[in-house]
Amino acid sequence: MTGQDWMEKDFYAELGVPKDADDAAIKKAYRKLARTYHPDQNQGDEKAEARFKAIGEAYAVLSDAEQRRQYDAVRAMAGGARFSAGPGGGGGAGGFEDILGAMFGGGGAGPRVRYAQTGPRPGQGGAGFEDILGSMFGGGGAPAGFRAPERGADVQATTTLPFRTALEGATVDLTVDGRKLTARIPAGVNDGQKIRLRGKGRPGAGGGEAGDLLITVHVTEHPVFALDGSDVRLTLPVTFPEAALGATVEVPTPSGETVRMKLPAGTPSGKVLRAKGRGAHTARGTGDLLVTVEVVVPQKLSKSAKDALDAFAAASDGTDPRADLTERAKG
């Protein structure tokens, strides 16, 4: 950013604060605007991205006491000083002394001003006179000490939770970059899901905001249940008579209770039954328990069971469930 930018840009208006705003007001205004126009909240919005950068530039200057003093001085000069080659030069009433007066609070520099001063006096901070003028007229680049705000880097972390802990949510302790952090994992988190904690990453530079902490959650397998979003899935083994004739069966739930579910007559293997509200309780709502029916074929049959199945086969109507399979396979 050049000194010309300082003359043309109103950083106070950019942040929506008065010129006499204190540091706390400036910081509060910046944080509010940064949240509104942050690229993560405005994916693909070029106008929002440009506004976010402009807000950062304004805050970088106004949050630094020395840069703010220089900026105010430059803006004061730009507010009415006119340049002339000297008395009678046709440049109007204002001249070089007007600029010095605007900078240093006097009514004009007078004959004792040392125009060759190139830096601060011993013991003083900040840029010298020529630093400021060089910045104004394009010769000095960015003002002394200027640093555009930079967002801090995101940090990656992982944690592993038992199934029931992931179902109910938990608070976990992590060590990231040598820092000990406590993170809240919401209920119903799925295996491989990433949790973003804003502002918990590495610090920003030049007044920029901190990065985020991205936690990848791994969930250990459960012998019966599996999370699917906010729903919980379960495979329910049933006998052939139960599937063919229908039955009412007891089904376990993640809470440790059981529910009675009606199995309609003629239920095929793979059919999904639903128990409403028996899934994970998340911020988005409560999921369901999804029960997939699996008809179990016995590996061994007693003689009486085999005779009964033979009788069943003989009594059936002879319909072949694979009658059109070969033809459909050719399509």
Protein backbone atom coordinates (compact mmCIF):
# COMPACT_ATOMS: atom_id res chain seq x y z
CA MET A 1 0.00 0.00 0.00
CA THR A 2 1.38 3.42 -0.98
CA GLY A 3 0.97 6.81 0.66
CA GLN A 4 -1.40 7.72 -2.16
CA ASP A 5 -3.67 4.93 -0.89
CA TRP A 6 -3.59 6.51 2.55
CA MET A 7 -4.78 9.81 1.10
CA GLU A 8 -7.56 8.19 -0.93
CA LYS A 9 -8.87 5.62 1.55
CA ASP A 10 -10.93 6.44 4.62
CA PHE A 11 -10.06 3.64 7.03
CA TYR A 12 -12.41 4.99 9.69
CA ALA A 13 -15.34 4.79 7.27
CA GLU A 14 -14.20 1.30 6.21
CA LEU A 15 -14.60 0.09 9.79
CA GLY A 16 -17.63 2.29 10.47
CA VAL A 17 -16.08 4.10 13.45
CA PRO A 18 -15.57 7.83 14.20
CA LYS A 19 -12.11 9.38 13.91
CA ASP A 20 -11.83 9.65 17.68
CA ALA A 21 -12.71 5.97 18.27
CA ASP A 22 -10.59 4.27 20.90
CA ASP A 23 -8.69 1.00 20.40
CA ALA A 24 -11.47 -1.13 21.88
CA ALA A 25 -14.10 0.30 19.51
CA ILE A 26 -11.83 -0.21 16.50
CA LYS A 27 -11.10 -3.80 17.48
CA LYS A 28 -14.78 -4.56 18.10
CA ALA A 29 -15.81 -3.11 14.74
CA TYR A 30 -13.08 -5.06 12.92
CA ARG A 31 -14.03 -8.39 14.49
CA LYS A 32 -17.69 -7.93 13.65
CA LEU A 33 -16.99 -7.05 10.02
CA ALA A 34 -14.34 -9.77 9.65
CA ARG A 35 -16.84 -12.41 10.75
CA THR A 36 -19.42 -11.09 8.28
CA TYR A 37 -17.13 -10.94 5.25
CA HIS A 38 -14.78 -13.86 6.04
CA PRO A 39 -14.12 -16.02 2.91
CA ASP A 40 -15.27 -19.16 4.76
CA GLN A 41 -18.71 -17.57 5.13
CA ASN A 42 -18.83 -16.21 1.55
CA GLN A 43 -17.47 -18.93 -0.70
CA GLY A 44 -16.95 -17.63 -4.25
CA ASP A 45 -18.11 -14.09 -3.43
CA GLU A 46 -15.41 -11.82 -4.88
CA LYS A 47 -17.01 -8.66 -3.49
CA ALA A 48 -17.01 -10.09 0.04
CA GLU A 49 -13.38 -11.17 -0.38
CA ALA A 50 -12.37 -7.67 -1.50
CA ARG A 51 -14.25 -6.13 1.43
CA PHE A 52 -12.54 -8.55 3.83
CA LYS A 53 -9.13 -7.45 2.55
CA ALA A 54 -10.08 -3.77 2.79
CA ILE A 55 -11.23 -4.26 6.38
CA GLY A 56 -7.93 -5.95 7.19
CA GLU A 57 -5.93 -3.09 5.67
CA ALA A 58 -7.89 -0.54 7.67
CA TYR A 59 -7.47 -2.43 10.93
CA ALA A 60 -3.74 -3.01 10.38
CA VAL A 61 -3.21 0.77 10.26
CA LEU A 62 -5.70 1.96 12.88
CA SER A 63 -4.74 -0.70 15.44
CA ASP A 64 -1.09 0.45 15.39
CA ALA A 65 -0.65 3.71 17.30
CA GLU A 66 2.31 4.97 15.24
CA GLN A 67 0.78 4.07 11.89
CA ARG A 68 -2.51 5.66 12.92
CA ARG A 69 -0.66 8.89 13.82
CA GLN A 70 1.07 8.91 10.43
CA TYR A 71 -2.18 8.12 8.64
CA ASP A 72 -4.03 10.95 10.40
CA ALA A 73 -1.19 13.34 9.46
CA VAL A 74 -1.26 12.29 5.81
CA ARG A 75 -5.05 12.58 5.69
CA ALA A 76 -4.83 16.03 7.22
CA MET A 77 -2.44 17.08 4.46
CA ALA A 78 -4.70 15.64 1.80
CA GLY A 79 -7.66 17.51 3.24
CA GLY A 80 -6.73 20.92 1.84
CA ALA A 81 -3.02 21.51 1.31
CA ARG A 82 -2.13 22.82 -2.15
CA PHE A 83 1.30 22.75 -3.72
CA SER A 84 3.11 25.68 -5.34
CA ALA A 85 6.59 26.34 -6.65
CA GLY A 86 7.03 29.20 -4.23
CA PRO A 87 5.81 32.78 -3.94
CA GLY A 88 4.29 33.95 -7.17
CA GLY A 89 4.35 30.48 -8.65
CA GLY A 90 0.67 30.56 -9.49
CA GLY A 91 -0.20 27.73 -7.19
CA GLY A 92 -2.58 29.64 -4.95
CA ALA A 93 -2.20 30.68 -1.38
CA GLY A 94 -1.19 27.30 0.01
CA GLY A 95 2.38 26.14 -0.30
CA PHE A 96 4.89 23.75 1.19
CA GLU A 97 4.58 25.40 4.58
CA ASP A 98 0.85 24.58 4.58
CA ILE A 99 1.69 20.90 4.39
CA LEU A 100 4.17 21.12 7.24
CA GLY A 101 1.65 23.02 9.31
CA ALA A 102 -0.95 20.35 8.69
CA MET A 103 1.53 17.66 9.72
CA PHE A 104 2.94 19.23 12.84
CA GLY A 105 0.04 21.31 14.06
CA GLY A 106 1.44 24.79 13.30
CA GLY A 107 0.23 27.54 11.06
CA GLY A 108 3.18 27.05 8.70
CA ALA A 109 6.68 25.70 8.88
CA GLY A 110 8.49 29.06 8.94
CA PRO A 111 12.09 29.62 7.87
CA ARG A 112 13.66 27.45 10.57
CA VAL A 113 12.25 24.12 9.31
CA ARG A 114 15.01 21.67 8.34
CA TYR A 115 13.68 20.09 5.18
CA ALA A 116 16.55 17.60 4.98
CA GLN A 117 15.52 15.59 8.04
CA THR A 118 15.60 11.95 6.91
CA GLY A 119 14.63 10.05 9.99
CA PRO A 120 13.40 10.34 13.55
CA ARG A 121 15.45 12.24 16.04
CA PRO A 122 17.42 10.24 18.55
CA GLY A 123 15.07 8.60 21.01
CA GLN A 124 12.00 9.10 18.82
CA GLY A 125 10.04 6.37 17.10
CA GLY A 126 8.19 6.36 13.82
CA ALA A 127 9.02 7.44 10.32
CA GLY A 128 10.84 10.68 9.48
CA PHE A 129 9.48 13.53 7.41
CA GLU A 130 10.86 12.26 4.11
CA ASP A 131 9.59 8.77 4.85
CA ILE A 132 6.07 10.14 5.00
CA LEU A 133 6.43 12.33 1.90
CA GLY A 134 8.14 9.51 -0.01
CA SER A 135 5.23 7.27 0.88
CA MET A 136 2.75 9.92 -0.25
CA PHE A 137 4.26 10.43 -3.67
CA GLY A 138 4.97 6.83 -4.56
CA GLY A 139 8.66 6.71 -3.72
CA GLY A 140 8.56 4.79 -0.49
CA GLY A 141 6.16 1.92 -1.05
CA ALA A 142 4.33 0.86 2.09
CA PRO A 143 4.60 3.14 5.13
CA ALA A 144 7.28 2.31 7.66
CA GLY A 145 6.32 -0.63 9.83
CA PHE A 146 3.23 -1.48 7.77
CA ARG A 147 2.22 -5.15 7.64
CA ALA A 148 -0.95 -6.36 6.00
CA PRO A 149 -3.00 -8.61 8.29
CA GLU A 150 -2.48 -12.30 7.68
CA ARG A 151 -4.79 -15.08 8.86
CA GLY A 152 -3.14 -17.74 10.97
CA ALA A 153 -2.73 -21.28 9.62
CA ASP A 154 -5.26 -24.01 10.31
CA VAL A 155 -4.09 -26.89 12.50
CA GLN A 156 -5.02 -30.57 12.10
CA ALA A 157 -5.71 -33.01 14.94
CA THR A 158 -7.34 -36.44 15.36
CA THR A 159 -9.22 -38.21 18.12
CA THR A 160 -10.80 -41.66 18.47
CA LEU A 161 -14.07 -42.24 20.31
CA PRO A 162 -15.97 -45.38 21.31
CA PHE A 163 -19.31 -45.77 19.49
CA ARG A 164 -21.52 -44.80 22.43
CA THR A 165 -19.35 -41.76 23.25
CA ALA A 166 -19.63 -40.58 19.65
CA LEU A 167 -23.38 -41.16 19.82
CA GLU A 168 -23.81 -39.07 22.96
CA GLY A 169 -21.08 -36.44 22.44
CA ALA A 170 -18.07 -35.79 24.63
CA THR A 171 -15.39 -33.32 25.74
CA VAL A 172 -11.87 -34.40 24.77
CA ASP A 173 -8.41 -33.08 25.68
CA LEU A 174 -5.93 -32.53 22.84
CA THR A 175 -2.32 -31.38 22.59
CA VAL A 176 -1.76 -29.22 19.50
CA ASP A 177 1.53 -27.41 18.76
CA GLY A 178 2.50 -27.91 22.38
CA ARG A 179 -0.76 -26.35 23.60
CA LYS A 180 -3.33 -28.26 25.63
CA LEU A 181 -6.85 -27.70 24.32
CA THR A 182 -10.27 -28.91 25.36
CA ALA A 183 -12.69 -29.55 22.50
CA ARG A 184 -16.38 -30.38 22.56
CA ILE A 185 -17.35 -33.17 20.13
CA PRO A 186 -21.07 -32.94 19.32
CA ALA A 187 -23.44 -35.89 19.69
CA GLY A 188 -23.90 -38.08 16.63
CA VAL A 189 -20.46 -37.52 15.08
CA ASN A 190 -19.70 -40.08 12.36
CA ASP A 191 -16.46 -41.90 11.64
CA GLY A 192 -14.13 -39.70 9.55
CA GLN A 193 -16.14 -36.53 10.21
CA LYS A 194 -14.20 -33.27 10.68
CA ILE A 195 -15.04 -30.80 13.45
CA ARG A 196 -13.93 -27.18 12.95
CA LEU A 197 -13.15 -25.02 15.99
CA ARG A 198 -12.77 -21.43 14.81
CA GLY A 199 -9.90 -19.37 16.18
CA LYS A 200 -8.16 -22.34 17.82
CA GLY A 201 -5.41 -22.65 15.19
CA ARG A 202 -2.19 -20.68 14.89
CA PRO A 203 -2.23 -16.94 15.68
CA GLY A 204 -2.51 -14.44 12.84
CA ALA A 205 0.03 -11.73 12.01
CA GLY A 206 -0.40 -7.98 11.67
CA GLY A 207 -3.78 -8.01 13.36
CA GLY A 208 -5.07 -10.96 11.32
CA GLU A 209 -7.39 -13.48 12.92
CA ALA A 210 -6.23 -16.86 14.19
CA GLY A 211 -6.62 -20.00 12.10
CA ASP A 212 -8.96 -22.88 12.92
CA LEU A 213 -8.47 -26.27 14.53
CA LEU A 214 -9.74 -29.14 12.36
CA ILE A 215 -10.36 -32.35 14.31
CA THR A 216 -10.85 -35.60 12.40
CA VAL A 217 -12.93 -37.99 14.52
CA HIS A 218 -12.57 -41.75 14.26
CA VAL A 219 -15.32 -43.91 15.77
CA THR A 220 -14.61 -47.50 16.81
CA GLU A 221 -16.93 -50.15 15.38
CA HIS A 222 -19.81 -51.47 17.48
CA PRO A 223 -20.75 -55.18 17.20
CA VAL A 224 -24.42 -54.32 16.57
CA PHE A 225 -24.98 -50.64 15.78
CA ALA A 226 -23.58 -48.26 13.15
CA LEU A 227 -24.05 -44.49 12.77
CA ASP A 228 -25.43 -43.17 9.48
CA GLY A 229 -25.75 -39.42 9.86
CA SER A 230 -28.11 -38.99 12.80
CA ASP A 231 -29.69 -42.40 12.17
CA VAL A 232 -28.50 -45.64 13.76
CA ARG A 233 -28.50 -48.84 11.71
CA LEU A 234 -28.91 -52.41 12.92
CA THR A 235 -29.19 -55.76 11.13
CA LEU A 236 -31.98 -57.94 12.57
CA PRO A 237 -31.73 -61.72 12.05
CA VAL A 238 -35.14 -63.44 11.67
CA THR A 239 -36.19 -67.02 10.96
CA PHE A 240 -37.87 -68.09 7.74
CA PRO A 241 -41.21 -68.78 9.50
CA GLU A 242 -41.10 -65.28 11.10
CA ALA A 243 -40.45 -63.66 7.72
CA ALA A 244 -43.02 -65.80 5.89
CA LEU A 245 -45.81 -65.79 8.46
CA GLY A 246 -45.12 -62.45 10.19
CA ALA A 247 -44.19 -61.88 13.81
CA THR A 248 -43.63 -59.28 16.54
CA VAL A 249 -39.98 -59.18 17.60
CA GLU A 250 -37.88 -57.46 20.27
CA VAL A 251 -35.23 -55.10 18.88
CA PRO A 252 -32.40 -53.54 20.96
CA THR A 253 -31.84 -49.76 20.81
CA PRO A 254 -28.66 -47.69 21.44
CA SER A 255 -30.08 -46.47 24.77
CA GLY A 256 -30.05 -50.04 26.14
CA GLU A 257 -33.83 -50.43 25.96
CA THR A 258 -35.70 -52.68 23.55
CA VAL A 259 -38.63 -51.88 21.29
CA ARG A 260 -41.25 -54.27 19.88
CA MET A 261 -41.49 -54.14 16.10
CA LYS A 262 -44.06 -55.80 13.86
CA LEU A 263 -42.64 -57.96 11.08
CA PRO A 264 -45.27 -58.17 8.29
CA ALA A 265 -46.01 -61.57 6.74
CA GLY A 266 -43.91 -62.12 3.63
CA THR A 267 -41.10 -59.81 4.72
CA PRO A 268 -38.10 -60.32 2.39
CA SER A 269 -34.47 -60.22 3.45
CA GLY A 270 -33.11 -56.68 3.11
CA LYS A 271 -36.35 -54.89 4.00
CA VAL A 272 -35.75 -51.87 6.27
CA LEU A 273 -38.02 -51.19 9.25
CA ARG A 274 -37.94 -47.84 11.06
CA ALA A 275 -38.22 -47.04 14.77
CA LYS A 276 -38.83 -43.27 14.93
CA GLY A 277 -36.75 -41.19 17.34
CA ARG A 278 -34.47 -44.04 18.41
CA GLY A 279 -31.32 -42.69 16.72
CA ALA A 280 -28.78 -40.06 17.75
CA HIS A 281 -29.91 -36.84 19.46
CA THR A 282 -28.05 -34.09 17.55
CA ALA A 283 -28.34 -30.32 17.24
CA ARG A 284 -30.14 -30.87 13.93
CA GLY A 285 -32.73 -33.18 15.47
CA THR A 286 -33.16 -36.80 16.53
CA GLY A 287 -32.52 -39.61 14.09
CA ASP A 288 -34.25 -42.98 13.74
CA LEU A 289 -33.28 -46.60 14.28
CA LEU A 290 -33.16 -48.30 10.87
CA VAL A 291 -33.57 -52.06 11.13
CA THR A 292 -32.52 -54.19 8.14
CA VAL A 293 -34.15 -57.61 8.10
CA GLU A 294 -31.91 -60.60 7.40
CA VAL A 295 -33.62 -63.95 6.92
CA VAL A 296 -31.37 -66.63 8.44
CA VAL A 297 -31.06 -69.96 6.62
CA PRO A 298 -30.34 -72.82 9.07
CA GLN A 299 -27.12 -74.70 8.40
CA LYS A 300 -28.48 -78.02 9.70
CA LEU A 301 -32.03 -79.41 9.70
CA SER A 302 -33.55 -82.12 11.79
CA LYS A 303 -35.46 -84.87 9.91
CA SER A 304 -38.80 -83.46 11.00
CA ALA A 305 -37.81 -79.93 9.90
CA LYS A 306 -36.64 -81.29 6.52
CA ASP A 307 -39.87 -83.21 6.07
CA ALA A 308 -41.84 -80.07 6.88
CA LEU A 309 -39.90 -78.07 4.27
CA ASP A 310 -40.42 -80.79 1.67
CA ALA A 311 -44.12 -80.63 2.38
CA PHE A 312 -44.01 -76.85 2.09
CA ALA A 313 -42.26 -77.05 -1.28
CA ALA A 314 -44.80 -79.58 -2.55
CA ALA A 315 -47.67 -77.40 -1.38
CA SER A 316 -46.35 -74.21 -2.99
CA ASP A 317 -47.78 -73.02 -6.32
CA GLY A 318 -44.55 -73.79 -8.19
CA THR A 319 -43.77 -70.15 -9.05
CA ASP A 320 -40.13 -69.75 -10.14
CA PRO A 321 -38.68 -66.50 -8.71
CA ARG A 322 -35.86 -66.66 -11.30
CA ALA A 323 -38.12 -67.19 -14.31
CA ASP A 324 -37.17 -63.95 -16.13
CA LEU A 325 -33.71 -63.49 -14.64
CA THR A 326 -31.84 -64.76 -17.72
CA GLU A 327 -33.84 -62.56 -20.07
CA ARG A 328 -33.34 -59.48 -17.91
CA ALA A 329 -29.60 -60.22 -17.74
CA LYS A 330 -29.43 -59.84 -21.55
CA GLY A 331 -30.86 -56.31 -21.45
